[in-house]
Amino acid sequence: MEEAPRSSHVMLIDDDHVTNIVNRKIIHFNYPSVRISTYIDAAIALKQLRQWAETDIAQLPDLIFLDINMPDMDGWDFLDEFIKLPPLVQQRTKVIMLTSSVDINDITKARTYKPVIDFLSKPLDKGNLKTLIKHEAA
């Protein structure tokens, strides 16, 4: 098992319930002390972030793994709203795009959002989790 990441809270946002279960298990198996919040609806996740920003910033996640293609509010819509949150939220919480998209335009677009620190292809695996350590240790 790897050295535990500094992150104590990870948020998963993906409309596929099974993907969230698998990702949760992979993170928990490799980093059992990490708290994981899972959302299948990006709008609800955003609402929760706003609430934490207003009431208890210690609850904010350190990392968000965000899918792009979701109904209602997709990953781009989420990011457009996320960057409107208070600066403290954006400093504290970083976003990793975790998606099945391999479109170079998506990768390029993701880089235009300051909170996005990486773009990973699904599925999440132990190798991808090194991103958690790499970025948190920086």
C-alpha atoms as a PDB file:
ATOM      1  CA  MET A   1       0.000   0.000   0.000  1.00  0.00           C
ATOM      2  CA  GLU A   2       1.254   3.472  -0.912  1.00  0.00           C
ATOM      3  CA  GLU A   3       1.987   6.234   1.553  1.00  0.00           C
ATOM      4  CA  ALA A   4      -1.290   7.914   2.494  1.00  0.00           C
ATOM      5  CA  PRO A   5      -2.031  11.083   0.532  1.00  0.00           C
ATOM      6  CA  ARG A   6      -2.394  14.388   2.307  1.00  0.00           C
ATOM      7  CA  SER A   7      -5.950  14.591   0.955  1.00  0.00           C
ATOM      8  CA  SER A   8      -8.472  13.688   3.553  1.00  0.00           C
ATOM      9  CA  HIS A   9     -11.596  14.158   1.429  1.00  0.00           C
ATOM     10  CA  VAL A  10     -12.249  13.186  -2.186  1.00  0.00           C
ATOM     11  CA  MET A  11     -15.482  13.892  -4.065  1.00  0.00           C
ATOM     12  CA  LEU A  12     -16.582  11.665  -6.953  1.00  0.00           C
ATOM     13  CA  ILE A  13     -19.045  13.141  -9.461  1.00  0.00           C
ATOM     14  CA  ASP A  14     -20.256  10.723 -12.122  1.00  0.00           C
ATOM     15  CA  ASP A  15     -23.794   9.958 -13.267  1.00  0.00           C
ATOM     16  CA  ASP A  16     -22.970   6.243 -13.481  1.00  0.00           C
ATOM     17  CA  HIS A  17     -23.690   4.720 -10.079  1.00  0.00           C
ATOM     18  CA  VAL A  18     -21.584   1.616 -10.797  1.00  0.00           C
ATOM     19  CA  THR A  19     -18.585   3.751 -11.802  1.00  0.00           C
ATOM     20  CA  ASN A  20     -18.871   5.619  -8.499  1.00  0.00           C
ATOM     21  CA  ILE A  21     -18.994   2.356  -6.542  1.00  0.00           C
ATOM     22  CA  VAL A  22     -15.924   0.995  -8.342  1.00  0.00           C
ATOM     23  CA  ASN A  23     -13.976   4.253  -7.936  1.00  0.00           C
ATOM     24  CA  ARG A  24     -14.928   4.461  -4.263  1.00  0.00           C
ATOM     25  CA  LYS A  25     -13.668   0.904  -3.678  1.00  0.00           C
ATOM     26  CA  ILE A  26     -10.398   1.555  -5.537  1.00  0.00           C
ATOM     27  CA  ILE A  27      -9.707   4.704  -3.512  1.00  0.00           C
ATOM     28  CA  HIS A  28     -10.739   3.108  -0.235  1.00  0.00           C
ATOM     29  CA  PHE A  29      -8.648  -0.019  -0.845  1.00  0.00           C
ATOM     30  CA  ASN A  30      -5.510   2.032  -1.563  1.00  0.00           C
ATOM     31  CA  TYR A  31      -6.177   4.867   0.896  1.00  0.00           C
ATOM     32  CA  PRO A  32      -8.547   3.656   3.624  1.00  0.00           C
ATOM     33  CA  SER A  33      -8.316   6.887   5.641  1.00  0.00           C
ATOM     34  CA  VAL A  34      -9.585   9.104   2.817  1.00  0.00           C
ATOM     35  CA  ARG A  35     -13.175  10.315   3.207  1.00  0.00           C
ATOM     36  CA  ILE A  36     -15.136   9.880  -0.033  1.00  0.00           C
ATOM     37  CA  SER A  37     -18.294  11.743  -1.052  1.00  0.00           C
ATOM     38  CA  THR A  38     -20.134  10.381  -4.080  1.00  0.00           C
ATOM     39  CA  TYR A  39     -22.622  12.213  -6.299  1.00  0.00           C
ATOM     40  CA  ILE A  40     -24.489  11.103  -9.410  1.00  0.00           C
ATOM     41  CA  ASP A  41     -25.889  14.607  -9.952  1.00  0.00           C
ATOM     42  CA  ALA A  42     -23.381  17.446 -10.477  1.00  0.00           C
ATOM     43  CA  ALA A  43     -25.922  20.103  -9.452  1.00  0.00           C
ATOM     44  CA  ILE A  44     -26.410  18.442  -6.067  1.00  0.00           C
ATOM     45  CA  ALA A  45     -22.634  18.179  -5.611  1.00  0.00           C
ATOM     46  CA  LEU A  46     -22.309  21.885  -6.419  1.00  0.00           C
ATOM     47  CA  LYS A  47     -25.062  22.730  -3.936  1.00  0.00           C
ATOM     48  CA  GLN A  48     -23.187  20.749  -1.269  1.00  0.00           C
ATOM     49  CA  LEU A  49     -19.946  22.600  -2.061  1.00  0.00           C
ATOM     50  CA  ARG A  50     -21.728  25.933  -1.689  1.00  0.00           C
ATOM     51  CA  GLN A  51     -23.153  24.847   1.653  1.00  0.00           C
ATOM     52  CA  TRP A  52     -19.749  23.758   2.960  1.00  0.00           C
ATOM     53  CA  ALA A  53     -18.206  27.023   1.699  1.00  0.00           C
ATOM     54  CA  GLU A  54     -20.762  28.979   3.729  1.00  0.00           C
ATOM     55  CA  THR A  55     -20.917  26.855   6.871  1.00  0.00           C
ATOM     56  CA  ASP A  56     -17.811  24.693   7.330  1.00  0.00           C
ATOM     57  CA  ILE A  57     -14.885  25.015   4.923  1.00  0.00           C
ATOM     58  CA  ALA A  58     -13.121  22.129   6.658  1.00  0.00           C
ATOM     59  CA  GLN A  59     -15.682  19.831   4.990  1.00  0.00           C
ATOM     60  CA  LEU A  60     -14.623  20.869   1.475  1.00  0.00           C
ATOM     61  CA  PRO A  61     -12.979  18.104  -0.548  1.00  0.00           C
ATOM     62  CA  ASP A  62      -9.320  18.369  -1.426  1.00  0.00           C
ATOM     63  CA  LEU A  63      -9.938  16.719  -4.795  1.00  0.00           C
ATOM     64  CA  ILE A  64     -12.916  16.251  -7.068  1.00  0.00           C
ATOM     65  CA  PHE A  65     -12.901  13.512  -9.703  1.00  0.00           C
ATOM     66  CA  LEU A  66     -15.337  14.877 -12.301  1.00  0.00           C
ATOM     67  CA  ASP A  67     -16.944  13.171 -15.297  1.00  0.00           C
ATOM     68  CA  ILE A  68     -17.675  15.282 -18.391  1.00  0.00           C
ATOM     69  CA  ASN A  69     -20.667  13.603 -20.015  1.00  0.00           C
ATOM     70  CA  MET A  70     -23.601  13.718 -17.603  1.00  0.00           C
ATOM     71  CA  PRO A  71     -27.247  14.640 -18.079  1.00  0.00           C
ATOM     72  CA  ASP A  72     -28.679  17.962 -16.882  1.00  0.00           C
ATOM     73  CA  MET A  73     -25.431  19.494 -15.585  1.00  0.00           C
ATOM     74  CA  ASP A  74     -22.387  18.111 -17.370  1.00  0.00           C
ATOM     75  CA  GLY A  75     -18.787  18.499 -16.247  1.00  0.00           C
ATOM     76  CA  TRP A  76     -18.333  21.753 -18.190  1.00  0.00           C
ATOM     77  CA  ASP A  77     -21.466  23.276 -16.648  1.00  0.00           C
ATOM     78  CA  PHE A  78     -20.206  22.195 -13.236  1.00  0.00           C
ATOM     79  CA  LEU A  79     -16.819  23.848 -13.832  1.00  0.00           C
ATOM     80  CA  ASP A  80     -18.476  27.047 -15.069  1.00  0.00           C
ATOM     81  CA  GLU A  81     -20.317  27.252 -11.737  1.00  0.00           C
ATOM     82  CA  PHE A  82     -17.392  25.980  -9.654  1.00  0.00           C
ATOM     83  CA  ILE A  83     -15.190  28.901 -10.748  1.00  0.00           C
ATOM     84  CA  LYS A  84     -17.875  31.275  -9.429  1.00  0.00           C
ATOM     85  CA  LEU A  85     -17.485  29.866  -5.911  1.00  0.00           C
ATOM     86  CA  PRO A  86     -15.443  31.895  -3.398  1.00  0.00           C
ATOM     87  CA  PRO A  87     -11.693  31.947  -4.118  1.00  0.00           C
ATOM     88  CA  LEU A  88     -11.019  29.959  -0.935  1.00  0.00           C
ATOM     89  CA  VAL A  89     -12.959  27.004  -2.366  1.00  0.00           C
ATOM     90  CA  GLN A  90     -10.947  27.069  -5.578  1.00  0.00           C
ATOM     91  CA  GLN A  91      -7.671  27.291  -3.638  1.00  0.00           C
ATOM     92  CA  ARG A  92      -8.605  24.411  -1.359  1.00  0.00           C
ATOM     93  CA  THR A  93     -10.330  22.083  -3.847  1.00  0.00           C
ATOM     94  CA  LYS A  94      -8.726  20.912  -7.080  1.00  0.00           C
ATOM     95  CA  VAL A  95     -10.469  19.073  -9.909  1.00  0.00           C
ATOM     96  CA  ILE A  96      -9.333  16.052 -11.872  1.00  0.00           C
ATOM     97  CA  MET A  97     -11.356  15.259 -14.969  1.00  0.00           C
ATOM     98  CA  LEU A  98     -12.019  11.502 -14.918  1.00  0.00           C
ATOM     99  CA  THR A  99     -13.828  10.663 -18.111  1.00  0.00           C
ATOM    100  CA  SER A 100     -14.197   8.192 -20.936  1.00  0.00           C
ATOM    101  CA  SER A 101     -13.556  11.031 -23.398  1.00  0.00           C
ATOM    102  CA  VAL A 102     -10.287  10.914 -25.287  1.00  0.00           C
ATOM    103  CA  ASP A 103     -11.202  13.944 -27.410  1.00  0.00           C
ATOM    104  CA  ILE A 104      -8.217  16.303 -27.638  1.00  0.00           C
ATOM    105  CA  ASN A 105     -10.675  19.222 -27.592  1.00  0.00           C
ATOM    106  CA  ASP A 106     -11.900  18.102 -24.151  1.00  0.00           C
ATOM    107  CA  ILE A 107      -8.332  17.890 -22.877  1.00  0.00           C
ATOM    108  CA  THR A 108      -7.561  21.350 -24.261  1.00  0.00           C
ATOM    109  CA  LYS A 109     -10.763  22.809 -22.826  1.00  0.00           C
ATOM    110  CA  ALA A 110     -10.084  21.279 -19.392  1.00  0.00           C
ATOM    111  CA  ARG A 111      -6.727  23.072 -19.290  1.00  0.00           C
ATOM    112  CA  THR A 112      -8.503  26.433 -19.566  1.00  0.00           C
ATOM    113  CA  TYR A 113     -10.022  25.937 -16.097  1.00  0.00           C
ATOM    114  CA  LYS A 114      -7.550  26.900 -13.378  1.00  0.00           C
ATOM    115  CA  PRO A 115      -8.940  24.439 -10.767  1.00  0.00           C
ATOM    116  CA  VAL A 116      -8.395  21.474 -13.145  1.00  0.00           C
ATOM    117  CA  ILE A 117      -5.044  19.876 -12.367  1.00  0.00           C
ATOM    118  CA  ASP A 118      -5.275  16.734 -14.490  1.00  0.00           C
ATOM    119  CA  PHE A 119      -7.285  14.877 -17.141  1.00  0.00           C
ATOM    120  CA  LEU A 120      -7.519  11.115 -16.695  1.00  0.00           C
ATOM    121  CA  SER A 121      -9.249   8.443 -18.718  1.00  0.00           C
ATOM    122  CA  LYS A 122     -11.599   6.021 -17.015  1.00  0.00           C
ATOM    123  CA  PRO A 123     -11.380   3.685 -15.331  1.00  0.00           C
ATOM    124  CA  LEU A 124      -9.643   4.952 -12.212  1.00  0.00           C
ATOM    125  CA  ASP A 125      -6.813   2.647 -11.225  1.00  0.00           C
ATOM    126  CA  LYS A 126      -3.915   2.526  -8.799  1.00  0.00           C
ATOM    127  CA  GLY A 127      -1.678   4.264 -11.324  1.00  0.00           C
ATOM    128  CA  ASN A 128      -4.156   7.115 -11.707  1.00  0.00           C
ATOM    129  CA  LEU A 129      -4.311   7.454  -7.942  1.00  0.00           C
ATOM    130  CA  LYS A 130      -0.670   8.471  -7.925  1.00  0.00           C
ATOM    131  CA  THR A 131      -2.062  11.773  -9.234  1.00  0.00           C
ATOM    132  CA  LEU A 132      -3.676  12.172  -5.837  1.00  0.00           C
ATOM    133  CA  ILE A 133      -0.300  11.965  -4.147  1.00  0.00           C
ATOM    134  CA  LYS A 134       1.623  13.879  -6.830  1.00  0.00           C
ATOM    135  CA  HIS A 135      -0.599  16.946  -6.726  1.00  0.00           C
ATOM    136  CA  GLU A 136      -1.217  16.934  -3.002  1.00  0.00           C
ATOM    137  CA  ALA A 137       2.482  16.674  -2.228  1.00  0.00           C
ATOM    138  CA  ALA A 138       3.289  19.661  -4.445  1.00  0.00           C
END
